[in-house]
């Protein structure tokens, strides 16, 4: 089984970076904006899939927390992703 836990932080930072650049370029009516946005959307999917897998495989949180994180990551990926990276990941991995 591949250890994908090390891919979660880089995918989050890449998501924020590419979406930020894409939004800035779209705001300035640049033609390259769609390319950056599409790459950002790819990293959104990668981050969501890996994080939902990590949350649901965790033995350190109960089913309600798993449901909370899963729904939050699906419906509010950016905000729940920031909360997960800053506060929740330590608890999910059992390092708190």
Foldseek 3Di string as FASTA:
>chain_A
DDDCPVVQVVLLVLLCVLLVVLVVCVVVVHPCSVVSNVVSVVSLVVNLVVVLVLQVPFPQDDPVVSVVLNVCCVPPVNVSVVCCVPPNVCRSNVND
